[in-house]
Structure formats: structure tokens, C-alpha cells
């Protein structure tokens, strides 16, 4: 029986790396695709790729992209007069171009993500909640922007959030099977609104119906957000920036919370949740697994 991690962004990827040390091939990561973008003729899946690079120990010191990647393609596009706002390394671009070609030929997004995982010899599985396009849009200054444009170009106040799809997106059979067979489901220390809620929009019903305990790891470290707009997102969602806010946001989905601050809303394992080095990542991962087993 596997352990399923719902994840997006750096926090989720770091916990995935710790869980890999504990679980090996028993780990299944379901990664957010609301951040996906089609650009330069490529289909870029930032969260699944980020998680794959972390699991392969191939992540760059920047915290995104591949270690040692070059940016000659972006430099050449700039020289040709292109306005480059979304920076992709050369190998990253090749991955996105290959994915776009495979999708155009009829491949499922699930298969293209798995092909990358296999190419990097990652033993854990990396899945997506749906093969259908599902995109996160954010309103700022009265205008709606796709996630990447908001984060990179707009950087304005967050006024509203929407998850958009052409029709009700169907869950992938692989994700449904992993959830049904899991011995534990872990909600990663990712942005609840931008990274986890798009996954729950597709798989929330299946997760609630699963027999496995659902444990969230707080994205807050000593009451603070280490990276990204989590604070603004929780405020938009009407939640406080603490364990109460995290637990209340997920509501009845959770059986437990792992955080460095207790809440009375759900059983809590109080522990340091900072994931800054390999030892910390493995320690948090082991604590999460032990807590989940106690709740089962």
C-alpha cells in the first residue's frame, strides 16, 4: 500500500523528497497542474516538473529548474526582439517542447509526466489529478490573469481566485486508484489555495471517501510564510495565518495536522516543520508517517 502526497510548489516538493527517503517506490505524488502554461510552443507543467527534479536530486540551487541548465534559447529569443517574461532553461524548454508534441499526438498528460519521471530514474510515481486542462486564474487590479502571469508579471494585490476548465475535469484513473489503495494521504505544506485546492477541486470527493487518514503539513514555519503568497491567499479565503486557519480551510477533509503550533480544530502533532536540509526533510517525513499510522 502506498502513501499519497498532494503537492505543489517548493514546500510540497521538499516534503516529497523527505518522504522518498522513507518510502522509496511506495510514494505517490499527485501534483498540481493549475500552474501549467503553454509558451514558446512548449507545454510547461511547473509543479510536476519541480517535484520530479527534487525527487531526482536534480533541482537547481535557485529552487526551480534543472541544476546547471543554460539559458541560450532565452538569450537568443531576446536578441530577436522577443519580450521574455517566463524564463526557461534549455533543458527545461526541451522537456516542454517534447511534452507539447506528445500531447498534440494524443498522449495523456499523465503519460508525459511519467515519461519524465522515468527519464530521471525517479522510483516514486508522479501523477496529475486530471489530464484535462485546469488553470488557476487570479484577479488583481480588476483584471484576471493566468497564474504564471500574475506571479511573474503582475505581482499585484490578490483580489480573487478561480479554477477554470472547459468542462468538469475527469479525475485520472491512476490518481483515483492511488487514493483508494493508500494507507495514508498527506496534504503537503503547499499554498492551500493555489497549490492544493485545484487538486481537491478534482479529487476532493475521492479523498473524502477513502479509508486512509488524511494528514496535512502546515506551510507555516513559526507563524510565518517562507515563500510565496500564502498569507494573501489565506486572507482572501477568510482564514487566519495560523494552524487554526490551515485546519479550518481544509475542514472535514482532515484527520490530523502536523504543525509547530497546536489547534483545537483537529488532532495535531506539534513539531518543527521547516524543511531546509535533507535531515529535516526526512525527520518531518518520518513524523508525518508515524502520526498518520496512529490515526489510522
Protein backbone atom coordinates (compact mmCIF):
# COMPACT_ATOMS: atom_id res chain seq x y z
CA UNK A 1 0.00 0.00 0.00
CA UNK A 2 1.29 3.42 -0.97
CA UNK A 3 1.31 6.83 0.66
CA UNK A 4 -0.20 9.61 -1.44
CA UNK A 5 1.13 13.16 -1.19
CA UNK A 6 -0.83 16.10 -2.62
CA UNK A 7 1.72 18.74 -3.50
CA UNK A 8 2.68 21.86 -5.40
CA UNK A 9 5.45 24.40 -5.08
CA UNK A 10 8.71 24.20 -3.20
CA UNK A 11 7.29 23.16 0.19
CA UNK A 12 5.45 20.21 -1.28
CA UNK A 13 8.47 19.20 -3.34
CA UNK A 14 10.77 19.28 -0.30
CA UNK A 15 8.42 17.07 1.70
CA UNK A 16 8.19 14.71 -1.27
CA UNK A 17 11.97 14.38 -1.19
CA UNK A 18 11.89 13.52 2.53
CA UNK A 19 9.10 11.00 2.01
CA UNK A 20 11.08 9.37 -0.80
CA UNK A 21 13.87 8.63 1.68
CA UNK A 22 11.33 6.93 3.96
CA UNK A 23 9.15 5.19 1.39
CA UNK A 24 11.03 4.73 -1.87
CA UNK A 25 8.67 3.41 -4.59
CA UNK A 26 5.74 3.33 -2.15
CA UNK A 27 5.44 7.11 -2.53
CA UNK A 28 2.87 8.52 -4.97
CA UNK A 29 2.79 12.28 -5.52
CA UNK A 30 -0.28 13.91 -7.07
CA UNK A 31 0.94 17.29 -8.32
CA UNK A 32 -1.00 20.47 -9.02
CA UNK A 33 -1.48 21.36 -12.70
CA UNK A 34 -3.29 24.67 -12.20
CA UNK A 35 0.03 26.46 -12.85
CA UNK A 36 0.59 24.84 -16.28
CA UNK A 37 1.33 27.18 -19.16
CA UNK A 38 1.68 26.87 -22.93
CA UNK A 39 4.54 29.13 -24.07
CA UNK A 40 7.30 29.13 -26.75
CA UNK A 41 5.48 26.18 -28.32
CA UNK A 42 6.08 24.19 -25.14
CA UNK A 43 3.70 22.78 -22.54
CA UNK A 44 5.26 23.52 -19.16
CA UNK A 45 3.97 21.75 -16.05
CA UNK A 46 5.87 23.64 -13.32
CA UNK A 47 4.71 21.68 -10.26
CA UNK A 48 5.02 18.11 -11.61
CA UNK A 49 8.39 19.02 -13.11
CA UNK A 50 9.61 20.74 -9.93
CA UNK A 51 8.66 17.69 -7.87
CA UNK A 52 10.34 15.35 -10.35
CA UNK A 53 13.55 17.40 -10.28
CA UNK A 54 13.56 17.39 -6.46
CA UNK A 55 12.96 13.63 -6.34
CA UNK A 56 15.82 13.12 -8.79
CA UNK A 57 18.18 15.39 -6.80
CA UNK A 58 18.47 17.44 -9.98
CA UNK A 59 16.97 20.73 -8.74
CA UNK A 60 19.00 23.90 -9.22
CA UNK A 61 20.13 26.00 -6.25
CA UNK A 62 17.64 28.64 -7.41
CA UNK A 63 14.90 26.32 -6.16
CA UNK A 64 13.44 25.80 -9.65
CA UNK A 65 14.69 24.34 -12.90
CA UNK A 66 17.46 21.85 -13.51
CA UNK A 67 20.87 22.13 -11.90
CA UNK A 68 23.44 23.52 -14.30
CA UNK A 69 20.93 24.37 -17.02
CA UNK A 70 21.84 27.06 -19.54
CA UNK A 71 19.60 29.78 -20.98
CA UNK A 72 20.90 30.20 -24.52
CA UNK A 73 17.45 29.81 -26.09
CA UNK A 74 16.01 32.60 -23.95
CA UNK A 75 19.02 34.81 -24.73
CA UNK A 76 18.57 34.23 -28.45
CA UNK A 77 14.85 34.99 -28.29
CA UNK A 78 15.64 38.27 -26.53
CA UNK A 79 18.20 39.09 -29.22
CA UNK A 80 15.48 38.55 -31.81
CA UNK A 81 13.23 41.05 -30.05
CA UNK A 82 11.02 38.71 -28.04
CA UNK A 83 9.74 40.02 -24.71
CA UNK A 84 10.81 37.20 -22.41
CA UNK A 85 8.93 37.19 -19.10
CA UNK A 86 8.83 33.44 -18.43
CA UNK A 87 12.40 32.16 -18.15
CA UNK A 88 13.06 28.55 -19.14
CA UNK A 89 16.39 26.78 -19.15
CA UNK A 90 17.40 25.00 -22.35
CA UNK A 91 16.79 21.51 -20.97
CA UNK A 92 13.55 22.67 -19.36
CA UNK A 93 12.45 24.04 -22.73
CA UNK A 94 13.27 20.73 -24.40
CA UNK A 95 11.10 18.91 -21.84
CA UNK A 96 8.19 21.28 -22.51
CA UNK A 97 8.56 21.02 -26.29
CA UNK A 98 8.61 17.23 -26.12
CA UNK A 99 5.52 17.28 -23.87
CA UNK A 100 3.65 19.57 -26.27
CA UNK A 101 4.45 17.26 -29.19
CA UNK A 102 3.31 14.19 -27.26
CA UNK A 103 0.05 15.87 -26.22
CA UNK A 104 -0.60 17.03 -29.79
CA UNK A 105 -0.13 13.41 -30.92
CA UNK A 106 -2.83 12.28 -28.48
CA UNK A 107 -0.83 11.30 -25.40
CA UNK A 108 -2.33 11.91 -21.97
CA UNK A 109 -0.71 14.44 -19.65
CA UNK A 110 -0.33 11.59 -17.13
CA UNK A 111 1.87 9.69 -19.56
CA UNK A 112 4.09 12.68 -20.38
CA UNK A 113 4.69 13.33 -16.68
CA UNK A 114 5.53 9.66 -16.14
CA UNK A 115 7.92 9.67 -19.10
CA UNK A 116 9.88 12.49 -17.47
CA UNK A 117 9.87 10.67 -14.13
CA UNK A 118 11.27 7.54 -15.79
CA UNK A 119 13.87 9.53 -17.74
CA UNK A 120 15.19 10.84 -14.42
CA UNK A 121 15.06 7.37 -12.81
CA UNK A 122 12.74 8.51 -10.02
CA UNK A 123 11.36 5.43 -8.19
CA UNK A 124 8.26 7.19 -6.82
CA UNK A 125 5.29 7.85 -9.06
CA UNK A 126 4.31 11.40 -10.01
CA UNK A 127 0.68 11.75 -11.09
CA UNK A 128 -1.70 14.57 -12.00
CA UNK A 129 -5.30 14.94 -10.79
CA UNK A 130 -6.72 15.25 -14.30
CA UNK A 131 -5.49 15.04 -17.89
CA UNK A 132 -7.83 17.86 -18.87
CA UNK A 133 -6.64 21.48 -18.85
CA UNK A 134 -7.30 23.02 -15.43
CA UNK A 135 -5.92 26.51 -14.86
CA UNK A 136 -5.73 28.84 -11.88
CA UNK A 137 -6.62 32.47 -12.62
CA UNK A 138 -6.08 35.36 -10.22
CA UNK A 139 -7.74 38.77 -10.33
CA UNK A 140 -5.63 41.78 -9.48
CA UNK A 141 -6.41 45.43 -10.21
CA UNK A 142 -9.74 44.31 -11.63
CA UNK A 143 -8.07 42.13 -14.30
CA UNK A 144 -7.90 38.34 -14.49
CA UNK A 145 -4.50 36.77 -15.16
CA UNK A 146 -3.34 33.18 -15.51
CA UNK A 147 -1.25 32.06 -12.53
CA UNK A 148 2.18 32.47 -14.11
CA UNK A 149 1.44 35.95 -15.46
CA UNK A 150 0.14 37.05 -12.07
CA UNK A 151 3.16 35.70 -10.20
CA UNK A 152 5.83 36.93 -12.62
CA UNK A 153 4.44 39.97 -14.44
CA UNK A 154 1.63 41.45 -12.34
CA UNK A 155 2.79 40.85 -8.75
CA UNK A 156 -0.16 42.91 -7.56
CA UNK A 157 -2.68 42.50 -4.76
CA UNK A 158 -4.70 39.28 -4.90
CA UNK A 159 -8.42 40.10 -5.24
CA UNK A 160 -9.99 36.79 -6.31
CA UNK A 161 -9.11 33.26 -7.44
CA UNK A 162 -10.80 30.94 -9.95
CA UNK A 163 -10.04 27.44 -11.21
CA UNK A 164 -11.05 27.22 -14.86
CA UNK A 165 -11.67 24.24 -17.10
CA UNK A 166 -13.54 23.79 -20.38
CA UNK A 167 -15.84 21.27 -18.67
CA UNK A 168 -15.94 19.36 -15.40
CA UNK A 169 -12.47 17.74 -15.42
CA UNK A 170 -12.42 13.96 -15.02
CA UNK A 171 -10.04 12.52 -12.43
CA UNK A 172 -7.35 10.28 -13.86
CA UNK A 173 -7.84 6.58 -13.13
CA UNK A 174 -4.27 6.42 -11.80
CA UNK A 175 -4.96 9.12 -9.21
CA UNK A 176 -8.25 7.51 -8.16
CA UNK A 177 -6.59 4.11 -7.80
CA UNK A 178 -3.72 5.54 -5.74
CA UNK A 179 -6.14 7.30 -3.38
CA UNK A 180 -8.34 4.22 -2.96
CA UNK A 181 -5.34 2.00 -2.17
CA UNK A 182 -3.40 4.45 0.01
CA UNK A 183 -2.60 3.71 3.63
CA UNK A 184 -2.19 7.45 4.24
CA UNK A 185 -2.94 10.65 2.32
CA UNK A 186 -0.71 13.63 3.09
CA UNK A 187 -1.57 17.20 2.15
CA UNK A 188 1.78 18.85 1.58
CA UNK A 189 2.99 22.15 3.07
CA UNK A 190 1.94 23.92 -0.10
CA UNK A 191 -0.17 27.02 -0.67
CA UNK A 192 -3.66 25.77 0.28
CA UNK A 193 -5.46 28.00 -2.23
CA UNK A 194 -3.12 27.95 -5.24
CA UNK A 195 -1.49 24.50 -4.99
CA UNK A 196 -3.85 22.19 -3.09
CA UNK A 197 -7.36 23.48 -3.83
CA UNK A 198 -7.02 22.85 -7.61
CA UNK A 199 -6.24 19.20 -6.79
CA UNK A 200 -9.16 18.99 -4.37
CA UNK A 201 -11.48 20.52 -6.98
CA UNK A 202 -10.97 17.29 -8.95
CA UNK A 203 -10.15 14.68 -6.30
CA UNK A 204 -11.75 16.02 -3.12
CA UNK A 205 -14.70 13.64 -3.27
CA UNK A 206 -12.48 10.60 -3.76
CA UNK A 207 -10.20 11.65 -0.89
CA UNK A 208 -13.15 12.10 1.48
CA UNK A 209 -14.41 8.64 0.54
CA UNK A 210 -11.03 6.95 1.08
CA UNK A 211 -10.34 4.77 4.11
CA UNK A 212 -6.88 6.27 4.65
CA UNK A 213 -6.30 9.01 7.23
CA UNK A 214 -5.71 12.45 5.73
CA UNK A 215 -2.95 14.47 7.39
CA UNK A 216 -1.91 17.99 6.38
CA UNK A 217 1.50 19.50 6.98
CA UNK A 218 1.33 23.22 7.71
CA UNK A 219 3.06 25.55 5.24
CA UNK A 220 3.69 27.97 8.13
CA UNK A 221 7.02 27.91 9.96
CA UNK A 222 6.93 29.66 13.32
CA UNK A 223 3.84 31.52 12.21
CA UNK A 224 5.41 32.85 9.01
CA UNK A 225 5.29 32.09 5.28
CA UNK A 226 8.76 31.28 3.96
CA UNK A 227 7.95 31.82 0.28
CA UNK A 228 5.08 32.87 -1.95
CA UNK A 229 1.64 34.47 -1.46
CA UNK A 230 0.23 32.02 1.10
CA UNK A 231 -0.58 34.82 3.56
CA UNK A 232 -2.54 36.78 0.94
CA UNK A 233 -4.34 33.61 -0.15
CA UNK A 234 -5.41 32.68 3.38
CA UNK A 235 -6.63 36.23 3.95
CA UNK A 236 -8.63 36.07 0.70
CA UNK A 237 -10.10 32.73 1.87
CA UNK A 238 -11.17 34.33 5.16
CA UNK A 239 -8.65 32.41 7.24
CA UNK A 240 -6.13 33.40 9.89
CA UNK A 241 -2.40 32.93 9.38
CA UNK A 242 -2.00 30.12 11.91
CA UNK A 243 -2.82 26.47 12.46
CA UNK A 244 -6.48 27.32 13.07
CA UNK A 245 -6.63 28.91 9.63
CA UNK A 246 -4.99 25.94 7.92
CA UNK A 247 -7.20 23.39 9.69
CA UNK A 248 -10.37 25.39 9.10
CA UNK A 249 -9.57 25.86 5.42
CA UNK A 250 -9.40 22.10 4.83
CA UNK A 251 -12.27 21.43 7.23
CA UNK A 252 -13.71 17.93 7.41
CA UNK A 253 -11.16 16.63 4.89
CA UNK A 254 -8.52 16.37 7.62
CA UNK A 255 -7.96 13.75 10.29
CA UNK A 256 -4.86 15.47 11.61
CA UNK A 257 -2.43 18.37 11.23
CA UNK A 258 1.34 18.43 11.58
CA UNK A 259 2.46 21.91 12.61
CA UNK A 260 4.67 23.79 15.05
CA UNK A 261 1.55 25.35 16.58
CA UNK A 262 -1.39 23.44 18.03
CA UNK A 263 -5.01 23.87 17.01
CA UNK A 264 -8.11 22.59 18.78
CA UNK A 265 -9.90 22.03 15.47
CA UNK A 266 -8.19 18.73 14.62
CA UNK A 267 -5.67 16.36 16.28
CA UNK A 268 -2.26 18.00 15.99
CA UNK A 269 1.29 16.71 16.03
CA UNK A 270 3.40 19.64 17.25
CA UNK A 271 6.86 19.52 15.70
CA UNK A 272 9.28 21.68 13.75
CA UNK A 273 8.08 21.65 10.12
CA UNK A 274 10.96 23.54 8.50
CA UNK A 275 12.36 21.56 5.55
CA UNK A 276 15.61 23.38 4.92
CA UNK A 277 18.01 20.42 4.72
CA UNK A 278 17.89 16.68 3.96
CA UNK A 279 17.91 15.68 7.63
CA UNK A 280 14.97 17.96 8.41
CA UNK A 281 13.03 16.73 5.39
CA UNK A 282 13.46 13.11 6.39
CA UNK A 283 12.67 13.84 10.06
CA UNK A 284 9.42 15.63 9.17
CA UNK A 285 8.50 12.88 6.71
CA UNK A 286 9.04 10.17 9.34
CA UNK A 287 6.97 12.13 11.89
CA UNK A 288 4.12 12.57 9.41
CA UNK A 289 4.05 8.85 8.59
CA UNK A 290 4.09 7.84 12.26
CA UNK A 291 1.30 10.32 13.05
CA UNK A 292 -0.81 9.09 10.15
CA UNK A 293 -0.35 5.49 11.24
CA UNK A 294 -1.52 6.38 14.77
CA UNK A 295 -4.66 7.99 13.30
CA UNK A 296 -5.50 5.06 11.02
